[in-house]
Amino acid sequence: MGLRCPQSFVVDVFYDNGTEFIKFTNGKEITVDTAWRWEWERLLKYATNQ
């Protein structure tokens, strides 16, 4: 794991079969491409809701 930031919602960024994913503290994962397309508020809600 890389840089640690207080109150960060990101646990890890990783590759799987050539696709880059973001893993959040709530256990959810999303592709980086999808995260770029979503608005910030939608991504924050996804990253913080169980």
N, C-alpha and C. Protein backbone atom coordinates (compact mmCIF):
# COMPACT_ATOMS: atom_id res chain seq x y z
N MET A 1 0.84 -1.18 0.00
CA MET A 1 0.00 0.00 0.00
C MET A 1 0.88 1.24 0.00
N GLY A 2 0.37 2.31 -0.52
CA GLY A 2 1.16 3.51 -0.67
C GLY A 2 0.93 4.54 0.41
N LEU A 3 0.71 5.75 0.00
CA LEU A 3 0.56 6.90 0.87
C LEU A 3 -0.63 6.76 1.81
N ARG A 4 -0.45 7.14 3.07
CA ARG A 4 -1.55 7.10 4.04
C ARG A 4 -2.03 8.52 4.33
N CYS A 5 -3.33 8.71 4.26
CA CYS A 5 -3.92 10.02 4.49
C CYS A 5 -5.03 9.88 5.53
N PRO A 6 -5.06 10.74 6.52
CA PRO A 6 -6.15 10.69 7.51
C PRO A 6 -7.50 10.91 6.81
N GLN A 7 -8.49 10.16 7.23
CA GLN A 7 -9.85 10.26 6.72
C GLN A 7 -9.95 9.93 5.23
N SER A 8 -9.02 9.16 4.73
CA SER A 8 -9.08 8.71 3.34
C SER A 8 -10.07 7.56 3.22
N PHE A 9 -10.80 7.53 2.13
CA PHE A 9 -11.76 6.45 1.89
C PHE A 9 -11.16 5.36 1.01
N VAL A 10 -9.97 5.61 0.46
CA VAL A 10 -9.32 4.67 -0.45
C VAL A 10 -8.37 3.79 0.33
N VAL A 11 -8.55 2.47 0.19
CA VAL A 11 -7.67 1.50 0.83
C VAL A 11 -6.53 1.14 -0.11
N ASP A 12 -6.85 0.95 -1.39
CA ASP A 12 -5.85 0.49 -2.35
C ASP A 12 -6.31 0.81 -3.76
N VAL A 13 -5.34 0.89 -4.65
CA VAL A 13 -5.59 0.95 -6.09
C VAL A 13 -4.80 -0.21 -6.67
N PHE A 14 -5.48 -1.06 -7.47
CA PHE A 14 -4.82 -2.27 -7.94
C PHE A 14 -5.28 -2.63 -9.35
N TYR A 15 -4.50 -3.48 -9.99
CA TYR A 15 -4.83 -3.99 -11.32
C TYR A 15 -5.31 -5.42 -11.21
N ASP A 16 -6.32 -5.75 -12.03
CA ASP A 16 -6.80 -7.12 -12.14
C ASP A 16 -7.12 -7.37 -13.61
N ASN A 17 -6.38 -8.28 -14.23
CA ASN A 17 -6.57 -8.59 -15.66
C ASN A 17 -6.54 -7.34 -16.54
N GLY A 18 -5.61 -6.42 -16.23
CA GLY A 18 -5.43 -5.23 -17.05
C GLY A 18 -6.37 -4.08 -16.74
N THR A 19 -7.24 -4.23 -15.76
CA THR A 19 -8.17 -3.16 -15.38
C THR A 19 -7.75 -2.61 -14.03
N GLU A 20 -7.75 -1.28 -13.92
CA GLU A 20 -7.35 -0.63 -12.67
C GLU A 20 -8.59 -0.38 -11.79
N PHE A 21 -8.49 -0.79 -10.54
CA PHE A 21 -9.59 -0.67 -9.58
C PHE A 21 -9.19 0.18 -8.38
N ILE A 22 -10.20 0.78 -7.76
CA ILE A 22 -10.05 1.47 -6.48
C ILE A 22 -10.82 0.65 -5.45
N LYS A 23 -10.19 0.37 -4.32
CA LYS A 23 -10.87 -0.33 -3.22
C LYS A 23 -11.05 0.66 -2.08
N PHE A 24 -12.28 0.76 -1.56
CA PHE A 24 -12.62 1.71 -0.52
C PHE A 24 -12.67 1.03 0.85
N THR A 25 -12.66 1.83 1.90
CA THR A 25 -12.67 1.31 3.27
C THR A 25 -13.95 0.54 3.59
N ASN A 26 -15.04 0.77 2.86
CA ASN A 26 -16.28 0.03 3.09
C ASN A 26 -16.29 -1.32 2.38
N GLY A 27 -15.18 -1.67 1.71
CA GLY A 27 -15.07 -2.95 1.03
C GLY A 27 -15.50 -2.93 -0.43
N LYS A 28 -16.11 -1.86 -0.87
CA LYS A 28 -16.56 -1.77 -2.26
C LYS A 28 -15.37 -1.46 -3.17
N GLU A 29 -15.52 -1.87 -4.44
CA GLU A 29 -14.50 -1.60 -5.45
C GLU A 29 -15.18 -0.98 -6.66
N ILE A 30 -14.42 -0.19 -7.41
CA ILE A 30 -14.92 0.45 -8.62
C ILE A 30 -13.74 0.60 -9.58
N THR A 31 -14.01 0.52 -10.86
CA THR A 31 -12.92 0.74 -11.82
C THR A 31 -12.56 2.23 -11.82
N VAL A 32 -11.31 2.49 -12.12
CA VAL A 32 -10.87 3.89 -12.19
C VAL A 32 -11.60 4.62 -13.31
N ASP A 33 -11.86 3.94 -14.42
CA ASP A 33 -12.60 4.57 -15.52
C ASP A 33 -13.99 5.02 -15.09
N THR A 34 -14.68 4.18 -14.33
CA THR A 34 -16.01 4.54 -13.84
C THR A 34 -15.93 5.71 -12.86
N ALA A 35 -14.94 5.65 -11.98
CA ALA A 35 -14.77 6.73 -11.00
C ALA A 35 -14.56 8.08 -11.69
N TRP A 36 -13.83 8.09 -12.78
CA TRP A 36 -13.61 9.33 -13.52
C TRP A 36 -14.91 9.87 -14.12
N ARG A 37 -15.82 8.98 -14.52
CA ARG A 37 -17.07 9.41 -15.15
C ARG A 37 -18.11 9.90 -14.15
N TRP A 38 -18.07 9.35 -12.94
CA TRP A 38 -19.06 9.74 -11.92
C TRP A 38 -18.75 11.13 -11.38
N GLU A 39 -19.78 11.82 -10.96
CA GLU A 39 -19.59 13.09 -10.26
C GLU A 39 -19.04 12.82 -8.87
N TRP A 40 -18.34 13.80 -8.29
CA TRP A 40 -17.70 13.63 -6.98
C TRP A 40 -18.68 13.19 -5.92
N GLU A 41 -19.87 13.79 -5.87
CA GLU A 41 -20.85 13.47 -4.84
C GLU A 41 -21.30 12.00 -4.94
N ARG A 42 -21.49 11.53 -6.15
CA ARG A 42 -21.91 10.13 -6.34
C ARG A 42 -20.80 9.17 -5.90
N LEU A 43 -19.57 9.49 -6.24
CA LEU A 43 -18.44 8.64 -5.85
C LEU A 43 -18.25 8.64 -4.33
N LEU A 44 -18.39 9.79 -3.71
CA LEU A 44 -18.27 9.88 -2.26
C LEU A 44 -19.35 9.06 -1.57
N LYS A 45 -20.58 9.14 -2.07
CA LYS A 45 -21.67 8.36 -1.49
C LYS A 45 -21.39 6.87 -1.62
N TYR A 46 -20.91 6.44 -2.77
CA TYR A 46 -20.57 5.03 -3.00
C TYR A 46 -19.46 4.58 -2.06
N ALA A 47 -18.47 5.44 -1.83
CA ALA A 47 -17.31 5.09 -1.02
C ALA A 47 -17.61 5.08 0.48
N THR A 48 -18.66 5.75 0.89
CA THR A 48 -18.93 5.87 2.33
C THR A 48 -20.13 5.07 2.80
N ASN A 49 -20.97 4.58 1.90
CA ASN A 49 -22.15 3.79 2.29
C ASN A 49 -21.83 2.31 2.32
N GLN A 50 -22.36 1.64 3.31
CA GLN A 50 -22.17 0.19 3.41
C GLN A 50 -23.11 -0.46 2.45
